[in-house]
Structures are given as structure tokens and as C-alpha cells.
Amino acid sequence: MLEPIITSTGIIAVAALVGLTIVVLALLRAWQDYLELKRREMDGNNGVSGPDTGSKMGAARIEMSDLKERIRKLEAIANGVDL
């Protein structure tokens, strides 16, 4: 006897292929959205528009001050001085 052109195995294979394609497309879309989110975070614009929070120079000075204090503490530890 001749088998029909569309068998149950063929239907399962086609359904699996369609399902896999849908999953891959959904993951690709999610990946693109994730990359766009990270791009926005790196730009410093999280999609929220509002007033500027302050100068970056002040933040840099505070960070430098913190780093200098850490260096002083590490040097004191290296010299055996209790803080």
C-alpha cells in the first residue's frame, strides 16, 4: 500500500519546526530589547526625562576623596599602624 503524503510523523515534524521558529523569534526579540535597555543605561538616559541631578565634577571630587582615604588606610595597614 501507498502511504499518504501527510503522515502523523510529518505533522509532528512540521509542528515542532513551527514551534521552534516561534521560540527562536521570541528569544531574538527579547535579546534585542535587552541590548536596547543596556544601551540606554550606558547613555545615562533610562527613559526618564527630568532635571539634571547635578554636576559630574562634584561627584568626581567626592570619588577622588574616597580613593585617597582608602589609600591612606591601606598605607597605615601596611606600616602596621592601628587606625
Protein backbone atom coordinates (compact mmCIF):
# COMPACT_ATOMS: atom_id res chain seq x y z
CA MET A 1 0.00 0.00 0.00
CA LEU A 2 1.00 3.56 -0.59
CA GLU A 3 1.38 5.77 2.46
CA PRO A 4 -0.46 9.05 2.45
CA ILE A 5 1.63 12.15 1.73
CA ILE A 6 0.85 13.72 5.10
CA THR A 7 1.56 11.27 7.88
CA SER A 8 1.31 11.78 11.60
CA THR A 9 5.12 11.89 11.75
CA GLY A 10 5.15 14.65 9.15
CA ILE A 11 2.55 16.66 11.04
CA ILE A 12 4.56 16.35 14.26
CA ALA A 13 7.75 17.39 12.47
CA VAL A 14 6.12 20.46 10.93
CA ALA A 15 4.52 21.44 14.25
CA ALA A 16 7.87 21.07 16.03
CA LEU A 17 9.56 23.22 13.39
CA VAL A 18 6.89 25.93 13.68
CA GLY A 19 7.14 25.85 17.48
CA LEU A 20 10.91 26.09 17.38
CA THR A 21 10.70 29.03 14.98
CA ILE A 22 8.30 30.86 17.30
CA VAL A 23 10.56 30.30 20.31
CA VAL A 24 13.65 31.46 18.42
CA LEU A 25 11.90 34.62 17.20
CA ALA A 26 10.67 35.41 20.73
CA LEU A 27 14.18 34.95 22.16
CA LEU A 28 15.66 37.13 19.43
CA ARG A 29 13.17 39.89 20.21
CA ALA A 30 13.92 39.62 23.93
CA TRP A 31 17.66 39.81 23.24
CA GLN A 32 17.21 42.95 21.12
CA ASP A 33 15.12 44.58 23.86
CA TYR A 34 17.75 43.67 26.45
CA LEU A 35 20.51 45.22 24.33
CA GLU A 36 18.44 48.38 23.88
CA LEU A 37 17.94 48.59 27.66
CA LYS A 38 21.68 48.27 28.25
CA ARG A 39 22.35 50.92 25.59
CA ARG A 40 20.02 53.31 27.38
CA GLU A 41 21.68 52.58 30.72
CA MET A 42 25.11 53.26 29.25
CA ASP A 43 23.92 56.54 27.76
CA GLY A 44 22.77 57.57 31.22
CA ASN A 45 19.25 58.09 29.99
CA ASN A 46 16.93 55.49 31.45
CA GLY A 47 13.99 56.86 29.53
CA VAL A 48 13.21 59.26 32.35
CA SER A 49 13.36 62.90 31.43
CA GLY A 50 13.80 65.35 34.23
CA PRO A 51 16.09 67.96 35.69
CA ASP A 52 19.81 67.37 35.82
CA THR A 53 20.83 65.86 39.15
CA GLY A 54 24.00 67.91 39.49
CA SER A 55 27.45 68.38 38.11
CA LYS A 56 29.63 65.42 37.39
CA MET A 57 32.66 67.35 38.62
CA GLY A 58 31.39 67.28 42.20
CA ALA A 59 30.86 63.54 42.05
CA ALA A 60 34.37 63.07 40.67
CA ARG A 61 35.85 65.09 43.55
CA ILE A 62 33.98 63.01 46.12
CA GLU A 63 35.17 59.82 44.46
CA MET A 64 38.77 61.06 44.42
CA SER A 65 38.48 61.94 48.10
CA ASP A 66 37.20 58.46 48.89
CA LEU A 67 40.03 56.85 46.93
CA LYS A 68 42.64 58.96 48.72
CA GLU A 69 41.17 57.95 52.09
CA ARG A 70 41.32 54.27 51.11
CA ILE A 71 44.96 54.67 50.08
CA ARG A 72 45.78 56.28 53.43
CA LYS A 73 44.13 53.39 55.27
CA LEU A 74 45.94 50.78 53.19
CA GLU A 75 49.27 52.51 53.76
CA ALA A 76 48.59 52.61 57.50
CA ILE A 77 47.78 48.88 57.48
CA ALA A 78 50.95 48.16 55.50
CA ASN A 79 53.02 50.14 58.05
CA GLY A 80 51.38 48.31 60.96
CA VAL A 81 49.60 51.34 62.39
CA ASP A 82 46.23 50.81 64.11
CA LEU A 83 43.52 53.15 62.95
